[in-house]
Each structure stands twice: as C-alpha cells, then as structure tokens.
Amino acid sequence: MEKGRTQKFYDEKPAANQRRLEQQSKYQKTAKGKSLKIRANKLNRKLGTYGNGDGLDASHTSKGGRLASKKANRARKGIHA
C-alpha cells in the first residue's frame, strides 16, 4: 500500500517524527489517553478483530461500535459517522 501524505512528511523529517512520538507517548499516559485506549481495545476484542491482522479497526460511532478499515477510521479525526 502506498504511504499517505502524513507518513511521507514524517519520513522526510525525522526530528518532527521524534517530537510527535514523544508527544503521543505523554498523551497515552494521561487519564484521557488511557481511557480512550482501554475503550478501543475493549471494542476491538468484542468485535473479534483484536490482534488478528485483518486490517480493520473498531470505529466508535454515535450509533455504537462497528468495524471500519484503518484508513477510513483514522481519517475521520474524531468526527463520528
């Protein structure tokens, strides 16, 4: 699969990528970050897609959880379908 714009940017700018990884690491340790991670993992397990390599994500929508491709789910940027 071809790399997206964001990945190309970070490939070209390793310092920016390092800053982003550090920021993400700090965020994952906050109460909100932990809560989101726990909810996402729980839904992934419930939908049967956790760790099986099928390329699908658990999408948290206003209608509940459903499966969506990683590309579609992560492109939403928090906008619920």
PDB file of N, CA and C in Angstrom:
ATOM      1  N   MET A   1       0.843  -1.166   0.000  1.00  0.00           N
ATOM      2  CA  MET A   1       0.000   0.000   0.000  1.00  0.00           C
ATOM      3  C   MET A   1       0.898   1.241   0.000  1.00  0.00           C
ATOM      4  N   GLU A   2       0.460   2.256  -0.706  1.00  0.00           N
ATOM      5  CA  GLU A   2       1.216   3.492  -0.814  1.00  0.00           C
ATOM      6  C   GLU A   2       1.131   4.286   0.489  1.00  0.00           C
ATOM      7  N   LYS A   3       2.219   4.972   0.818  1.00  0.00           N
ATOM      8  CA  LYS A   3       2.233   5.785   2.025  1.00  0.00           C
ATOM      9  C   LYS A   3       1.388   7.035   1.832  1.00  0.00           C
ATOM     10  N   GLY A   4       0.774   7.468   2.906  1.00  0.00           N
ATOM     11  CA  GLY A   4      -0.039   8.674   2.870  1.00  0.00           C
ATOM     12  C   GLY A   4       0.820   9.918   3.019  1.00  0.00           C
ATOM     13  N   ARG A   5       0.179  11.067   2.880  1.00  0.00           N
ATOM     14  CA  ARG A   5       0.869  12.355   2.976  1.00  0.00           C
ATOM     15  C   ARG A   5       1.583  12.534   4.307  1.00  0.00           C
ATOM     16  N   THR A   6       0.891  12.188   5.392  1.00  0.00           N
ATOM     17  CA  THR A   6       1.457  12.374   6.720  1.00  0.00           C
ATOM     18  C   THR A   6       2.691  11.511   6.910  1.00  0.00           C
ATOM     19  N   GLN A   7       2.617  10.249   6.491  1.00  0.00           N
ATOM     20  CA  GLN A   7       3.765   9.358   6.660  1.00  0.00           C
ATOM     21  C   GLN A   7       4.941   9.822   5.815  1.00  0.00           C
ATOM     22  N   LYS A   8       4.676  10.306   4.636  1.00  0.00           N
ATOM     23  CA  LYS A   8       5.760  10.838   3.788  1.00  0.00           C
ATOM     24  C   LYS A   8       6.428  12.026   4.470  1.00  0.00           C
ATOM     25  N   PHE A   9       5.603  12.912   5.085  1.00  0.00           N
ATOM     26  CA  PHE A   9       6.132  14.075   5.802  1.00  0.00           C
ATOM     27  C   PHE A   9       7.083  13.633   6.909  1.00  0.00           C
ATOM     28  N   TYR A  10       6.636  12.687   7.741  1.00  0.00           N
ATOM     29  CA  TYR A  10       7.462  12.248   8.860  1.00  0.00           C
ATOM     30  C   TYR A  10       8.675  11.450   8.403  1.00  0.00           C
ATOM     31  N   ASP A  11       8.597  10.768   7.279  1.00  0.00           N
ATOM     32  CA  ASP A  11       9.764  10.085   6.725  1.00  0.00           C
ATOM     33  C   ASP A  11      10.840  11.085   6.324  1.00  0.00           C
ATOM     34  N   GLU A  12      10.409  12.233   5.803  1.00  0.00           N
ATOM     35  CA  GLU A  12      11.344  13.263   5.348  1.00  0.00           C
ATOM     36  C   GLU A  12      11.890  14.101   6.501  1.00  0.00           C
ATOM     37  N   LYS A  13      11.182  14.137   7.639  1.00  0.00           N
ATOM     38  CA  LYS A  13      11.560  14.993   8.762  1.00  0.00           C
ATOM     39  C   LYS A  13      11.630  14.177  10.050  1.00  0.00           C
ATOM     40  N   PRO A  14      12.739  13.470  10.254  1.00  0.00           N
ATOM     41  CA  PRO A  14      12.861  12.608  11.434  1.00  0.00           C
ATOM     42  C   PRO A  14      12.751  13.350  12.768  1.00  0.00           C
ATOM     43  N   ALA A  15      13.191  14.612  12.822  1.00  0.00           N
ATOM     44  CA  ALA A  15      13.095  15.367  14.075  1.00  0.00           C
ATOM     45  C   ALA A  15      11.627  15.620  14.427  1.00  0.00           C
ATOM     46  N   ALA A  16      10.830  15.952  13.434  1.00  0.00           N
ATOM     47  CA  ALA A  16       9.405  16.173  13.660  1.00  0.00           C
ATOM     48  C   ALA A  16       8.741  14.869  14.101  1.00  0.00           C
ATOM     49  N   ASN A  17       9.154  13.770  13.503  1.00  0.00           N
ATOM     50  CA  ASN A  17       8.597  12.469  13.871  1.00  0.00           C
ATOM     51  C   ASN A  17       8.928  12.142  15.328  1.00  0.00           C
ATOM     52  N   GLN A  18      10.151  12.444  15.747  1.00  0.00           N
ATOM     53  CA  GLN A  18      10.561  12.177  17.122  1.00  0.00           C
ATOM     54  C   GLN A  18       9.726  13.004  18.102  1.00  0.00           C
ATOM     55  N   ARG A  19       9.491  14.293  17.771  1.00  0.00           N
ATOM     56  CA  ARG A  19       8.658  15.150  18.631  1.00  0.00           C
ATOM     57  C   ARG A  19       7.247  14.599  18.730  1.00  0.00           C
ATOM     58  N   ARG A  20       6.712  14.144  17.607  1.00  0.00           N
ATOM     59  CA  ARG A  20       5.360  13.590  17.588  1.00  0.00           C
ATOM     60  C   ARG A  20       5.272  12.328  18.445  1.00  0.00           C
ATOM     61  N   LEU A  21       6.251  11.447  18.333  1.00  0.00           N
ATOM     62  CA  LEU A  21       6.249  10.215  19.118  1.00  0.00           C
ATOM     63  C   LEU A  21       6.339  10.508  20.612  1.00  0.00           C
ATOM     64  N   GLU A  22       7.151  11.508  20.984  1.00  0.00           N
ATOM     65  CA  GLU A  22       7.266  11.877  22.394  1.00  0.00           C
ATOM     66  C   GLU A  22       5.943  12.442  22.910  1.00  0.00           C
ATOM     67  N   GLN A  23       5.301  13.285  22.084  1.00  0.00           N
ATOM     68  CA  GLN A  23       4.018  13.859  22.481  1.00  0.00           C
ATOM     69  C   GLN A  23       2.970  12.767  22.635  1.00  0.00           C
ATOM     70  N   GLN A  24       2.930  11.834  21.699  1.00  0.00           N
ATOM     71  CA  GLN A  24       1.959  10.742  21.764  1.00  0.00           C
ATOM     72  C   GLN A  24       2.196   9.870  22.990  1.00  0.00           C
ATOM     73  N   SER A  25       3.457   9.628  23.317  1.00  0.00           N
ATOM     74  CA  SER A  25       3.804   8.823  24.481  1.00  0.00           C
ATOM     75  C   SER A  25       3.284   9.479  25.756  1.00  0.00           C
ATOM     76  N   LYS A  26       3.469  10.799  25.874  1.00  0.00           N
ATOM     77  CA  LYS A  26       2.975  11.532  27.050  1.00  0.00           C
ATOM     78  C   LYS A  26       1.450  11.479  27.110  1.00  0.00           C
ATOM     79  N   TYR A  27       0.802  11.663  25.967  1.00  0.00           N
ATOM     80  CA  TYR A  27      -0.662  11.668  25.929  1.00  0.00           C
ATOM     81  C   TYR A  27      -1.226  10.311  26.342  1.00  0.00           C
ATOM     82  N   GLN A  28      -0.594   9.223  25.906  1.00  0.00           N
ATOM     83  CA  GLN A  28      -1.074   7.883  26.231  1.00  0.00           C
ATOM     84  C   GLN A  28      -0.995   7.592  27.726  1.00  0.00           C
ATOM     85  N   LYS A  29      -0.219   8.393  28.458  1.00  0.00           N
ATOM     86  CA  LYS A  29      -0.087   8.200  29.896  1.00  0.00           C
ATOM     87  C   LYS A  29      -1.077   9.037  30.704  1.00  0.00           C
ATOM     88  N   THR A  30      -1.807   9.938  30.041  1.00  0.00           N
ATOM     89  CA  THR A  30      -2.800  10.758  30.744  1.00  0.00           C
ATOM     90  C   THR A  30      -4.059   9.932  30.996  1.00  0.00           C
ATOM     91  N   ALA A  31      -4.900  10.419  31.881  1.00  0.00           N
ATOM     92  CA  ALA A  31      -6.146   9.716  32.195  1.00  0.00           C
ATOM     93  C   ALA A  31      -7.022   9.584  30.949  1.00  0.00           C
ATOM     94  N   LYS A  32      -7.135  10.661  30.171  1.00  0.00           N
ATOM     95  CA  LYS A  32      -7.969  10.622  28.970  1.00  0.00           C
ATOM     96  C   LYS A  32      -7.395   9.646  27.948  1.00  0.00           C
ATOM     97  N   GLY A  33      -6.077   9.676  27.751  1.00  0.00           N
ATOM     98  CA  GLY A  33      -5.438   8.778  26.792  1.00  0.00           C
ATOM     99  C   GLY A  33      -5.618   7.322  27.179  1.00  0.00           C
ATOM    100  N   LYS A  34      -5.459   7.029  28.458  1.00  0.00           N
ATOM    101  CA  LYS A  34      -5.642   5.660  28.942  1.00  0.00           C
ATOM    102  C   LYS A  34      -7.077   5.200  28.741  1.00  0.00           C
ATOM    103  N   SER A  35      -8.014   6.092  29.036  1.00  0.00           N
ATOM    104  CA  SER A  35      -9.429   5.759  28.902  1.00  0.00           C
ATOM    105  C   SER A  35      -9.780   5.430  27.451  1.00  0.00           C
ATOM    106  N   LEU A  36      -9.320   6.264  26.528  1.00  0.00           N
ATOM    107  CA  LEU A  36      -9.597   6.031  25.109  1.00  0.00           C
ATOM    108  C   LEU A  36      -8.987   4.715  24.634  1.00  0.00           C
ATOM    109  N   LYS A  37      -7.757   4.448  25.087  1.00  0.00           N
ATOM    110  CA  LYS A  37      -7.064   3.222  24.689  1.00  0.00           C
ATOM    111  C   LYS A  37      -7.794   1.986  25.217  1.00  0.00           C
ATOM    112  N   ILE A  38      -8.239   2.059  26.454  1.00  0.00           N
ATOM    113  CA  ILE A  38      -8.955   0.928  27.063  1.00  0.00           C
ATOM    114  C   ILE A  38     -10.271   0.672  26.330  1.00  0.00           C
ATOM    115  N   ARG A  39     -11.020   1.751  26.039  1.00  0.00           N
ATOM    116  CA  ARG A  39     -12.297   1.604  25.324  1.00  0.00           C
ATOM    117  C   ARG A  39     -12.087   1.021  23.928  1.00  0.00           C
ATOM    118  N   ALA A  40     -11.049   1.487  23.240  1.00  0.00           N
ATOM    119  CA  ALA A  40     -10.787   1.000  21.886  1.00  0.00           C
ATOM    120  C   ALA A  40     -10.422  -0.482  21.908  1.00  0.00           C
ATOM    121  N   ASN A  41      -9.561  -0.879  22.845  1.00  0.00           N
ATOM    122  CA  ASN A  41      -9.171  -2.285  22.944  1.00  0.00           C
ATOM    123  C   ASN A  41     -10.360  -3.166  23.303  1.00  0.00           C
ATOM    124  N   LYS A  42     -11.211  -2.687  24.209  1.00  0.00           N
ATOM    125  CA  LYS A  42     -12.382  -3.463  24.624  1.00  0.00           C
ATOM    126  C   LYS A  42     -13.327  -3.688  23.444  1.00  0.00           C
ATOM    127  N   LEU A  43     -13.570  -2.639  22.654  1.00  0.00           N
ATOM    128  CA  LEU A  43     -14.445  -2.769  21.492  1.00  0.00           C
ATOM    129  C   LEU A  43     -13.809  -3.671  20.435  1.00  0.00           C
ATOM    130  N   ASN A  44     -12.491  -3.554  20.231  1.00  0.00           N
ATOM    131  CA  ASN A  44     -11.791  -4.406  19.283  1.00  0.00           C
ATOM    132  C   ASN A  44     -11.956  -5.878  19.653  1.00  0.00           C
ATOM    133  N   ARG A  45     -11.825  -6.175  20.943  1.00  0.00           N
ATOM    134  CA  ARG A  45     -11.991  -7.566  21.397  1.00  0.00           C
ATOM    135  C   ARG A  45     -13.427  -8.035  21.190  1.00  0.00           C
ATOM    136  N   LYS A  46     -14.387  -7.166  21.504  1.00  0.00           N
ATOM    137  CA  LYS A  46     -15.801  -7.515  21.368  1.00  0.00           C
ATOM    138  C   LYS A  46     -16.160  -7.819  19.908  1.00  0.00           C
ATOM    139  N   LEU A  47     -15.597  -7.043  18.984  1.00  0.00           N
ATOM    140  CA  LEU A  47     -15.881  -7.226  17.560  1.00  0.00           C
ATOM    141  C   LEU A  47     -15.039  -8.339  16.927  1.00  0.00           C
ATOM    142  N   GLY A  48     -14.124  -8.912  17.713  1.00  0.00           N
ATOM    143  CA  GLY A  48     -13.341 -10.042  17.241  1.00  0.00           C
ATOM    144  C   GLY A  48     -12.216  -9.687  16.291  1.00  0.00           C
ATOM    145  N   THR A  49     -11.768  -8.448  16.312  1.00  0.00           N
ATOM    146  CA  THR A  49     -10.714  -8.052  15.379  1.00  0.00           C
ATOM    147  C   THR A  49      -9.394  -7.755  16.079  1.00  0.00           C
ATOM    148  N   TYR A  50      -9.355  -7.872  17.408  1.00  0.00           N
ATOM    149  CA  TYR A  50      -8.153  -7.545  18.170  1.00  0.00           C
ATOM    150  C   TYR A  50      -7.016  -8.516  17.854  1.00  0.00           C
ATOM    151  N   GLY A  51      -5.924  -8.003  17.288  1.00  0.00           N
ATOM    152  CA  GLY A  51      -4.713  -8.777  17.081  1.00  0.00           C
ATOM    153  C   GLY A  51      -4.767  -9.821  15.992  1.00  0.00           C
ATOM    154  N   ASN A  52      -5.799  -9.853  15.158  1.00  0.00           N
ATOM    155  CA  ASN A  52      -5.843 -10.906  14.144  1.00  0.00           C
ATOM    156  C   ASN A  52      -5.273 -10.468  12.791  1.00  0.00           C
ATOM    157  N   GLY A  53      -4.824  -9.212  12.675  1.00  0.00           N
ATOM    158  CA  GLY A  53      -4.158  -8.762  11.458  1.00  0.00           C
ATOM    159  C   GLY A  53      -5.068  -8.588  10.259  1.00  0.00           C
ATOM    160  N   ASP A  54      -6.359  -8.380  10.480  1.00  0.00           N
ATOM    161  CA  ASP A  54      -7.289  -8.257   9.354  1.00  0.00           C
ATOM    162  C   ASP A  54      -7.328  -6.851   8.753  1.00  0.00           C
ATOM    163  N   GLY A  55      -6.589  -5.898   9.350  1.00  0.00           N
ATOM    164  CA  GLY A  55      -6.548  -4.545   8.811  1.00  0.00           C
ATOM    165  C   GLY A  55      -7.753  -3.703   9.157  1.00  0.00           C
ATOM    166  N   LEU A  56      -8.592  -4.180  10.084  1.00  0.00           N
ATOM    167  CA  LEU A  56      -9.786  -3.437  10.462  1.00  0.00           C
ATOM    168  C   LEU A  56      -9.622  -2.835  11.855  1.00  0.00           C
ATOM    169  N   ASP A  57     -10.268  -1.696  12.057  1.00  0.00           N
ATOM    170  CA  ASP A  57     -10.296  -1.025  13.350  1.00  0.00           C
ATOM    171  C   ASP A  57     -11.710  -1.057  13.895  1.00  0.00           C
ATOM    172  N   ALA A  58     -11.812  -0.935  15.206  1.00  0.00           N
ATOM    173  CA  ALA A  58     -13.103  -0.726  15.828  1.00  0.00           C
ATOM    174  C   ALA A  58     -13.391   0.761  15.736  1.00  0.00           C
ATOM    175  N   SER A  59     -14.458   1.124  15.073  1.00  0.00           N
ATOM    176  CA  SER A  59     -14.823   2.516  14.887  1.00  0.00           C
ATOM    177  C   SER A  59     -15.881   2.889  15.908  1.00  0.00           C
ATOM    178  N   HIS A  60     -15.601   3.912  16.727  1.00  0.00           N
ATOM    179  CA  HIS A  60     -16.565   4.382  17.707  1.00  0.00           C
ATOM    180  C   HIS A  60     -17.449   5.418  17.038  1.00  0.00           C
ATOM    181  N   THR A  61     -18.686   5.061  16.771  1.00  0.00           N
ATOM    182  CA  THR A  61     -19.620   5.967  16.107  1.00  0.00           C
ATOM    183  C   THR A  61     -20.721   6.354  17.078  1.00  0.00           C
ATOM    184  N   SER A  62     -21.536   7.305  16.675  1.00  0.00           N
ATOM    185  CA  SER A  62     -22.648   7.717  17.532  1.00  0.00           C
ATOM    186  C   SER A  62     -23.683   6.605  17.672  1.00  0.00           C
ATOM    187  N   LYS A  63     -23.666   5.645  16.757  1.00  0.00           N
ATOM    188  CA  LYS A  63     -24.596   4.516  16.791  1.00  0.00           C
ATOM    189  C   LYS A  63     -23.994   3.296  17.472  1.00  0.00           C
ATOM    190  N   GLY A  64     -22.826   3.441  18.068  1.00  0.00           N
ATOM    191  CA  GLY A  64     -22.145   2.332  18.716  1.00  0.00           C
ATOM    192  C   GLY A  64     -20.891   1.962  17.965  1.00  0.00           C
ATOM    193  N   GLY A  65     -20.373   0.780  18.225  1.00  0.00           N
ATOM    194  CA  GLY A  65     -19.141   0.348  17.587  1.00  0.00           C
ATOM    195  C   GLY A  65     -19.396  -0.483  16.349  1.00  0.00           C
ATOM    196  N   ARG A  66     -18.505  -0.328  15.371  1.00  0.00           N
ATOM    197  CA  ARG A  66     -18.580  -1.147  14.169  1.00  0.00           C
ATOM    198  C   ARG A  66     -17.177  -1.281  13.611  1.00  0.00           C
ATOM    199  N   LEU A  67     -16.992  -2.185  12.686  1.00  0.00           N
ATOM    200  CA  LEU A  67     -15.699  -2.358  12.059  1.00  0.00           C
ATOM    201  C   LEU A  67     -15.553  -1.403  10.874  1.00  0.00           C
ATOM    202  N   ALA A  68     -14.365  -0.867  10.714  1.00  0.00           N
ATOM    203  CA  ALA A  68     -14.068   0.009   9.581  1.00  0.00           C
ATOM    204  C   ALA A  68     -12.603  -0.203   9.211  1.00  0.00           C
ATOM    205  N   SER A  69     -12.261   0.079   7.975  1.00  0.00           N
ATOM    206  CA  SER A  69     -10.856  -0.035   7.588  1.00  0.00           C
ATOM    207  C   SER A  69     -10.049   0.985   8.384  1.00  0.00           C
ATOM    208  N   LYS A  70      -8.774   0.679   8.630  1.00  0.00           N
ATOM    209  CA  LYS A  70      -7.936   1.599   9.389  1.00  0.00           C
ATOM    210  C   LYS A  70      -7.882   2.951   8.706  1.00  0.00           C
ATOM    211  N   LYS A  71      -7.773   2.934   7.391  1.00  0.00           N
ATOM    212  CA  LYS A  71      -7.651   4.177   6.638  1.00  0.00           C
ATOM    213  C   LYS A  71      -8.883   5.062   6.834  1.00  0.00           C
ATOM    214  N   ALA A  72     -10.064   4.490   6.700  1.00  0.00           N
ATOM    215  CA  ALA A  72     -11.303   5.259   6.843  1.00  0.00           C
ATOM    216  C   ALA A  72     -11.501   5.722   8.283  1.00  0.00           C
ATOM    217  N   ASN A  73     -11.232   4.846   9.236  1.00  0.00           N
ATOM    218  CA  ASN A  73     -11.457   5.169  10.633  1.00  0.00           C
ATOM    219  C   ASN A  73     -10.523   6.270  11.109  1.00  0.00           C
ATOM    220  N   ARG A  74      -9.262   6.187  10.756  1.00  0.00           N
ATOM    221  CA  ARG A  74      -8.285   7.156  11.248  1.00  0.00           C
ATOM    222  C   ARG A  74      -8.349   8.467  10.478  1.00  0.00           C
ATOM    223  N   ALA A  75      -8.934   8.448   9.293  1.00  0.00           N
ATOM    224  CA  ALA A  75      -9.083   9.690   8.515  1.00  0.00           C
ATOM    225  C   ALA A  75     -10.200  10.550   9.068  1.00  0.00           C
ATOM    226  N   ARG A  76     -11.096   9.963   9.848  1.00  0.00           N
ATOM    227  CA  ARG A  76     -12.249  10.670  10.389  1.00  0.00           C
ATOM    228  C   ARG A  76     -11.858  11.755  11.387  1.00  0.00           C
ATOM    229  N   LYS A  77     -10.746  11.554  12.072  1.00  0.00           N
ATOM    230  CA  LYS A  77     -10.208  12.522  13.034  1.00  0.00           C
ATOM    231  C   LYS A  77     -11.230  12.926  14.082  1.00  0.00           C
ATOM    232  N   GLY A  78     -11.903  11.969  14.647  1.00  0.00           N
ATOM    233  CA  GLY A  78     -12.818  12.237  15.743  1.00  0.00           C
ATOM    234  C   GLY A  78     -14.231  12.590  15.325  1.00  0.00           C
ATOM    235  N   ILE A  79     -14.479  12.725  14.027  1.00  0.00           N
ATOM    236  CA  ILE A  79     -15.822  13.017  13.561  1.00  0.00           C
ATOM    237  C   ILE A  79     -16.569  11.694  13.473  1.00  0.00           C
ATOM    238  N   HIS A  80     -17.627  11.551  14.258  1.00  0.00           N
ATOM    239  CA  HIS A  80     -18.336  10.280  14.284  1.00  0.00           C
ATOM    240  C   HIS A  80     -19.312  10.170  13.135  1.00  0.00           C
ATOM    241  N   ALA A  81     -19.366   8.975  12.550  1.00  0.00           N
ATOM    242  CA  ALA A  81     -20.245   8.738  11.415  1.00  0.00           C
ATOM    243  C   ALA A  81     -21.678   8.558  11.863  1.00  0.00           C
TER     244      ALA A  81
END
